[in-house]
């Protein structure tokens, strides 16, 4: 019995850690509408393209809240640099929206979206 446990416990533990590390694709999927990062990023981009700054500001706040909720799930299966980059992109996009600068806002929102797509691949 001891020999069995000495072999099975490390195997089960390693299997668990591998499953956690490979789960980011599943973990980034929204559980509720408040966590739908894809929807919030696309609507924010549309508002910025149309220069509807007040709605864009509200939508980027929703995006930030959704990102913070999803972050808690994907933080163990994604790289720290990737997570930091996504947070910085949202902050820079907020600044661009407050300054009503279409170029800065779109470039940061687009870079956020592109990096978001690479999580879990």
N, C-alpha and C. Protein backbone atom coordinates (compact mmCIF):
# COMPACT_ATOMS: atom_id res chain seq x y z
N UNK A 1 0.82 -1.20 0.00
CA UNK A 1 0.00 0.00 0.00
C UNK A 1 0.87 1.26 0.00
N UNK A 2 1.91 1.27 0.78
CA UNK A 2 2.80 2.42 0.84
C UNK A 2 3.43 2.66 -0.53
N UNK A 3 3.84 1.62 -1.18
CA UNK A 3 4.47 1.73 -2.50
C UNK A 3 3.48 2.32 -3.52
N UNK A 4 2.24 1.90 -3.41
CA UNK A 4 1.19 2.42 -4.29
C UNK A 4 0.99 3.92 -4.06
N UNK A 5 0.90 4.35 -2.82
CA UNK A 5 0.71 5.76 -2.50
C UNK A 5 1.90 6.60 -2.91
N UNK A 6 3.10 6.07 -2.75
CA UNK A 6 4.31 6.81 -3.13
C UNK A 6 4.32 7.06 -4.63
N UNK A 7 3.74 6.20 -5.39
CA UNK A 7 3.71 6.38 -6.85
C UNK A 7 2.49 7.18 -7.32
N UNK A 8 1.35 6.95 -6.72
CA UNK A 8 0.13 7.56 -7.21
C UNK A 8 -0.02 9.03 -6.81
N UNK A 9 0.43 9.41 -5.63
CA UNK A 9 0.27 10.80 -5.18
C UNK A 9 1.02 11.77 -6.08
N UNK A 10 2.28 11.55 -6.43
CA UNK A 10 2.94 12.48 -7.36
C UNK A 10 2.29 12.52 -8.74
N UNK A 11 1.82 11.39 -9.22
CA UNK A 11 1.18 11.35 -10.54
C UNK A 11 -0.11 12.15 -10.54
N UNK A 12 -0.93 11.97 -9.52
CA UNK A 12 -2.18 12.71 -9.42
C UNK A 12 -1.91 14.20 -9.25
N UNK A 13 -0.93 14.55 -8.45
CA UNK A 13 -0.58 15.95 -8.23
C UNK A 13 -0.11 16.61 -9.52
N UNK A 14 0.77 15.95 -10.24
CA UNK A 14 1.24 16.49 -11.52
C UNK A 14 0.11 16.61 -12.52
N UNK A 15 -0.77 15.63 -12.55
CA UNK A 15 -1.93 15.69 -13.44
C UNK A 15 -2.82 16.88 -13.13
N UNK A 16 -3.02 17.15 -11.85
CA UNK A 16 -3.82 18.29 -11.44
C UNK A 16 -3.18 19.60 -11.88
N UNK A 17 -1.88 19.74 -11.66
CA UNK A 17 -1.20 20.98 -12.05
C UNK A 17 -1.20 21.18 -13.56
N UNK A 18 -1.04 20.13 -14.32
CA UNK A 18 -1.10 20.23 -15.78
C UNK A 18 -2.50 20.66 -16.22
N UNK A 19 -3.53 20.11 -15.60
CA UNK A 19 -4.90 20.49 -15.93
C UNK A 19 -5.15 21.97 -15.64
N UNK A 20 -4.65 22.46 -14.52
CA UNK A 20 -4.81 23.88 -14.19
C UNK A 20 -4.07 24.75 -15.19
N UNK A 21 -2.87 24.37 -15.56
CA UNK A 21 -2.08 25.18 -16.49
C UNK A 21 -2.68 25.22 -17.89
N UNK A 22 -3.42 24.21 -18.27
CA UNK A 22 -4.00 24.15 -19.61
C UNK A 22 -5.45 24.62 -19.66
N UNK A 23 -5.96 25.13 -18.57
CA UNK A 23 -7.38 25.46 -18.48
C UNK A 23 -7.73 26.90 -18.86
N UNK A 24 -6.80 27.69 -19.31
CA UNK A 24 -7.09 29.11 -19.54
C UNK A 24 -8.13 29.33 -20.63
N UNK A 25 -8.16 28.50 -21.65
CA UNK A 25 -9.17 28.64 -22.69
C UNK A 25 -10.58 28.47 -22.13
N UNK A 26 -10.73 27.51 -21.26
CA UNK A 26 -12.03 27.27 -20.63
C UNK A 26 -12.34 28.35 -19.59
N UNK A 27 -11.35 28.73 -18.82
CA UNK A 27 -11.57 29.68 -17.73
C UNK A 27 -11.87 31.10 -18.21
N UNK A 28 -11.47 31.46 -19.42
CA UNK A 28 -11.73 32.83 -19.86
C UNK A 28 -13.13 33.00 -20.44
N UNK A 29 -13.85 31.90 -20.62
CA UNK A 29 -15.22 31.99 -21.13
C UNK A 29 -16.11 32.65 -20.08
N UNK A 30 -17.03 33.52 -20.51
CA UNK A 30 -17.88 34.22 -19.55
C UNK A 30 -18.88 33.28 -18.88
N UNK A 31 -19.05 33.43 -17.58
CA UNK A 31 -20.04 32.66 -16.84
C UNK A 31 -21.37 33.42 -16.78
N UNK A 32 -21.28 34.75 -16.78
CA UNK A 32 -22.47 35.61 -16.78
C UNK A 32 -22.26 36.71 -17.82
N UNK A 33 -23.29 37.51 -18.05
CA UNK A 33 -23.17 38.61 -19.01
C UNK A 33 -22.22 39.69 -18.52
N UNK A 34 -22.04 39.81 -17.21
CA UNK A 34 -21.13 40.82 -16.67
C UNK A 34 -19.67 40.45 -16.90
N UNK A 35 -19.40 39.22 -17.34
CA UNK A 35 -18.02 38.77 -17.56
C UNK A 35 -17.70 38.61 -19.04
N UNK A 36 -18.56 39.10 -19.92
CA UNK A 36 -18.37 38.90 -21.35
C UNK A 36 -17.40 39.94 -21.91
N UNK A 37 -16.13 39.66 -21.78
CA UNK A 37 -15.08 40.59 -22.21
C UNK A 37 -15.16 40.84 -23.72
N UNK A 38 -15.43 39.80 -24.50
CA UNK A 38 -15.52 39.96 -25.96
C UNK A 38 -16.59 40.97 -26.35
N UNK A 39 -17.76 40.89 -25.72
CA UNK A 39 -18.85 41.82 -26.03
C UNK A 39 -18.47 43.24 -25.64
N UNK A 40 -17.89 43.41 -24.46
CA UNK A 40 -17.55 44.76 -23.99
C UNK A 40 -16.46 45.39 -24.84
N UNK A 41 -15.48 44.60 -25.27
CA UNK A 41 -14.41 45.18 -26.08
C UNK A 41 -14.94 45.58 -27.45
N UNK A 42 -15.80 44.76 -28.05
CA UNK A 42 -16.31 45.11 -29.38
C UNK A 42 -17.24 46.32 -29.33
N UNK A 43 -18.08 46.42 -28.29
CA UNK A 43 -18.95 47.60 -28.21
C UNK A 43 -18.15 48.86 -27.88
N UNK A 44 -17.11 48.73 -27.06
CA UNK A 44 -16.26 49.88 -26.77
C UNK A 44 -15.57 50.37 -28.03
N UNK A 45 -15.07 49.45 -28.83
CA UNK A 45 -14.41 49.83 -30.10
C UNK A 45 -15.40 50.54 -31.01
N UNK A 46 -16.63 50.05 -31.08
CA UNK A 46 -17.64 50.70 -31.92
C UNK A 46 -17.96 52.11 -31.43
N UNK A 47 -18.09 52.28 -30.11
CA UNK A 47 -18.35 53.61 -29.57
C UNK A 47 -17.20 54.56 -29.87
N UNK A 48 -15.98 54.09 -29.77
CA UNK A 48 -14.82 54.95 -30.05
C UNK A 48 -14.78 55.30 -31.53
N UNK A 49 -15.06 54.34 -32.40
CA UNK A 49 -15.07 54.61 -33.84
C UNK A 49 -16.10 55.68 -34.18
N UNK A 50 -17.25 55.64 -33.50
CA UNK A 50 -18.30 56.63 -33.73
C UNK A 50 -18.10 57.90 -32.91
N UNK A 51 -17.02 57.94 -32.13
CA UNK A 51 -16.68 59.07 -31.26
C UNK A 51 -17.80 59.40 -30.27
N UNK A 52 -18.44 58.37 -29.76
CA UNK A 52 -19.45 58.49 -28.71
C UNK A 52 -18.74 58.29 -27.38
N UNK A 53 -18.12 59.36 -26.89
CA UNK A 53 -17.18 59.25 -25.77
C UNK A 53 -17.85 58.91 -24.44
N UNK A 54 -19.05 59.41 -24.20
CA UNK A 54 -19.70 59.11 -22.92
C UNK A 54 -20.07 57.63 -22.81
N UNK A 55 -20.61 57.06 -23.89
CA UNK A 55 -20.91 55.63 -23.87
C UNK A 55 -19.64 54.78 -23.87
N UNK A 56 -18.61 55.26 -24.55
CA UNK A 56 -17.34 54.53 -24.57
C UNK A 56 -16.74 54.48 -23.18
N UNK A 57 -16.86 55.58 -22.44
CA UNK A 57 -16.32 55.61 -21.08
C UNK A 57 -17.07 54.63 -20.16
N UNK A 58 -18.39 54.57 -20.31
CA UNK A 58 -19.18 53.62 -19.52
C UNK A 58 -18.82 52.18 -19.89
N UNK A 59 -18.65 51.96 -21.19
CA UNK A 59 -18.38 50.59 -21.66
C UNK A 59 -16.98 50.12 -21.27
N UNK A 60 -16.01 51.02 -21.26
CA UNK A 60 -14.66 50.62 -20.86
C UNK A 60 -14.62 50.33 -19.36
N UNK A 61 -15.48 50.97 -18.58
CA UNK A 61 -15.58 50.62 -17.16
C UNK A 61 -16.15 49.22 -16.99
N UNK A 62 -17.16 48.90 -17.80
CA UNK A 62 -17.72 47.54 -17.76
C UNK A 62 -16.66 46.53 -18.19
N UNK A 63 -15.87 46.90 -19.20
CA UNK A 63 -14.79 46.03 -19.66
C UNK A 63 -13.78 45.79 -18.54
N UNK A 64 -13.43 46.83 -17.84
CA UNK A 64 -12.47 46.71 -16.74
C UNK A 64 -13.01 45.81 -15.62
N UNK A 65 -14.28 45.97 -15.28
CA UNK A 65 -14.89 45.11 -14.26
C UNK A 65 -14.92 43.65 -14.71
N UNK A 66 -15.28 43.44 -15.98
CA UNK A 66 -15.31 42.07 -16.51
C UNK A 66 -13.92 41.46 -16.51
N UNK A 67 -12.92 42.25 -16.91
CA UNK A 67 -11.55 41.75 -16.93
C UNK A 67 -11.10 41.37 -15.52
N UNK A 68 -11.44 42.18 -14.53
CA UNK A 68 -11.04 41.88 -13.15
C UNK A 68 -11.70 40.60 -12.63
N UNK A 69 -12.92 40.32 -13.09
CA UNK A 69 -13.58 39.07 -12.68
C UNK A 69 -12.92 37.87 -13.36
N UNK A 70 -12.65 37.99 -14.65
CA UNK A 70 -12.06 36.87 -15.39
C UNK A 70 -10.61 36.67 -14.96
N UNK A 71 -9.94 37.73 -14.59
CA UNK A 71 -8.54 37.66 -14.16
C UNK A 71 -8.35 36.68 -13.01
N UNK A 72 -9.29 36.66 -12.09
CA UNK A 72 -9.17 35.76 -10.94
C UNK A 72 -9.15 34.29 -11.37
N UNK A 73 -9.78 33.99 -12.51
CA UNK A 73 -9.82 32.61 -12.98
C UNK A 73 -8.62 32.25 -13.84
N UNK A 74 -8.14 33.18 -14.66
CA UNK A 74 -7.08 32.85 -15.61
C UNK A 74 -5.68 33.14 -15.09
N UNK A 75 -5.56 33.71 -13.91
CA UNK A 75 -4.24 34.12 -13.43
C UNK A 75 -3.28 32.96 -13.22
N UNK A 76 -3.79 31.78 -12.95
CA UNK A 76 -2.90 30.64 -12.71
C UNK A 76 -2.48 29.94 -13.99
N UNK A 77 -3.21 30.19 -15.08
CA UNK A 77 -2.91 29.48 -16.32
C UNK A 77 -2.38 30.40 -17.41
N UNK A 78 -2.16 31.67 -17.11
CA UNK A 78 -1.63 32.62 -18.07
C UNK A 78 -0.33 33.21 -17.54
N UNK A 79 0.43 33.79 -18.44
CA UNK A 79 1.71 34.38 -18.04
C UNK A 79 1.48 35.74 -17.39
N UNK A 80 2.32 36.07 -16.44
CA UNK A 80 2.20 37.33 -15.71
C UNK A 80 2.36 38.52 -16.65
N UNK A 81 3.29 38.45 -17.59
CA UNK A 81 3.49 39.56 -18.53
C UNK A 81 2.24 39.79 -19.37
N UNK A 82 1.59 38.72 -19.76
CA UNK A 82 0.38 38.82 -20.56
C UNK A 82 -0.74 39.48 -19.75
N UNK A 83 -0.88 39.09 -18.51
CA UNK A 83 -1.91 39.66 -17.65
C UNK A 83 -1.63 41.14 -17.39
N UNK A 84 -0.39 41.49 -17.11
CA UNK A 84 -0.03 42.89 -16.89
C UNK A 84 -0.26 43.72 -18.14
N UNK A 85 0.07 43.18 -19.31
CA UNK A 85 -0.13 43.90 -20.57
C UNK A 85 -1.60 44.19 -20.80
N UNK A 86 -2.46 43.22 -20.52
CA UNK A 86 -3.89 43.44 -20.71
C UNK A 86 -4.42 44.52 -19.77
N UNK A 87 -3.97 44.51 -18.53
CA UNK A 87 -4.39 45.55 -17.58
C UNK A 87 -3.91 46.93 -18.00
N UNK A 88 -2.67 47.01 -18.49
CA UNK A 88 -2.13 48.29 -18.96
C UNK A 88 -2.89 48.79 -20.18
N UNK A 89 -3.26 47.89 -21.07
CA UNK A 89 -3.99 48.29 -22.27
C UNK A 89 -5.34 48.90 -21.92
N UNK A 90 -6.02 48.33 -20.94
CA UNK A 90 -7.30 48.90 -20.52
C UNK A 90 -7.09 50.28 -19.92
N UNK A 91 -6.08 50.42 -19.08
CA UNK A 91 -5.81 51.72 -18.46
C UNK A 91 -5.46 52.78 -19.50
N UNK A 92 -4.65 52.42 -20.48
CA UNK A 92 -4.30 53.37 -21.54
C UNK A 92 -5.51 53.72 -22.39
N UNK A 93 -6.36 52.73 -22.65
CA UNK A 93 -7.58 53.00 -23.42
C UNK A 93 -8.49 53.95 -22.65
N UNK A 94 -8.59 53.77 -21.34
CA UNK A 94 -9.39 54.69 -20.51
C UNK A 94 -8.87 56.11 -20.64
N UNK A 95 -7.55 56.26 -20.57
CA UNK A 95 -6.96 57.59 -20.71
C UNK A 95 -7.24 58.20 -22.07
N UNK A 96 -7.16 57.39 -23.11
CA UNK A 96 -7.47 57.88 -24.45
C UNK A 96 -8.92 58.29 -24.60
N UNK A 97 -9.81 57.54 -23.96
CA UNK A 97 -11.23 57.87 -24.04
C UNK A 97 -11.52 59.15 -23.25
N UNK A 98 -10.91 59.30 -22.09
CA UNK A 98 -11.10 60.52 -21.30
C UNK A 98 -10.57 61.73 -22.08
N UNK A 99 -9.43 61.56 -22.76
CA UNK A 99 -8.86 62.65 -23.56
C UNK A 99 -9.57 62.80 -24.90
N UNK A 100 -10.50 61.90 -25.19
CA UNK A 100 -11.23 61.87 -26.46
C UNK A 100 -10.28 61.79 -27.64
N UNK A 101 -9.29 60.94 -27.52
CA UNK A 101 -8.31 60.70 -28.58
C UNK A 101 -8.62 59.35 -29.22
N UNK A 102 -9.12 59.42 -30.44
CA UNK A 102 -9.57 58.22 -31.15
C UNK A 102 -8.41 57.27 -31.44
N UNK A 103 -7.27 57.80 -31.83
CA UNK A 103 -6.12 56.97 -32.20
C UNK A 103 -5.58 56.16 -31.04
N UNK A 104 -5.34 56.84 -29.92
CA UNK A 104 -4.81 56.15 -28.74
C UNK A 104 -5.81 55.11 -28.24
N UNK A 105 -7.08 55.49 -28.19
CA UNK A 105 -8.10 54.57 -27.68
C UNK A 105 -8.20 53.33 -28.55
N UNK A 106 -8.29 53.52 -29.86
CA UNK A 106 -8.42 52.36 -30.75
C UNK A 106 -7.19 51.49 -30.75
N UNK A 107 -6.01 52.10 -30.71
CA UNK A 107 -4.80 51.27 -30.72
C UNK A 107 -4.70 50.41 -29.46
N UNK A 108 -5.03 50.97 -28.32
CA UNK A 108 -4.96 50.20 -27.07
C UNK A 108 -6.08 49.17 -26.97
N UNK A 109 -7.27 49.52 -27.42
CA UNK A 109 -8.36 48.54 -27.41
C UNK A 109 -8.08 47.39 -28.36
N UNK A 110 -7.52 47.71 -29.52
CA UNK A 110 -7.20 46.66 -30.49
C UNK A 110 -6.08 45.77 -29.97
N UNK A 111 -5.07 46.36 -29.36
CA UNK A 111 -3.99 45.54 -28.81
C UNK A 111 -4.50 44.67 -27.66
N UNK A 112 -5.43 45.20 -26.86
CA UNK A 112 -6.05 44.38 -25.82
C UNK A 112 -6.78 43.21 -26.44
N UNK A 113 -7.55 43.46 -27.47
CA UNK A 113 -8.33 42.40 -28.11
C UNK A 113 -7.43 41.33 -28.71
N UNK A 114 -6.36 41.75 -29.37
CA UNK A 114 -5.43 40.77 -29.97
C UNK A 114 -4.76 39.91 -28.89
N UNK A 115 -4.35 40.53 -27.81
CA UNK A 115 -3.71 39.77 -26.73
C UNK A 115 -4.73 38.87 -26.03
N UNK A 116 -5.96 39.36 -25.90
CA UNK A 116 -7.02 38.57 -25.29
C UNK A 116 -7.27 37.28 -26.09
N UNK A 117 -7.20 37.39 -27.41
CA UNK A 117 -7.42 36.22 -28.25
C UNK A 117 -6.34 35.16 -28.08
N UNK A 118 -5.14 35.56 -27.66
CA UNK A 118 -4.05 34.59 -27.52
C UNK A 118 -4.10 33.81 -26.20
N UNK A 119 -4.91 34.27 -25.25
CA UNK A 119 -5.03 33.53 -23.99
C UNK A 119 -5.73 32.21 -24.27
N UNK A 120 -5.12 31.15 -23.85
CA UNK A 120 -5.71 29.83 -24.01
C UNK A 120 -5.37 29.13 -25.30
N UNK A 121 -4.47 29.71 -26.06
CA UNK A 121 -4.08 29.06 -27.32
C UNK A 121 -2.72 28.46 -27.21
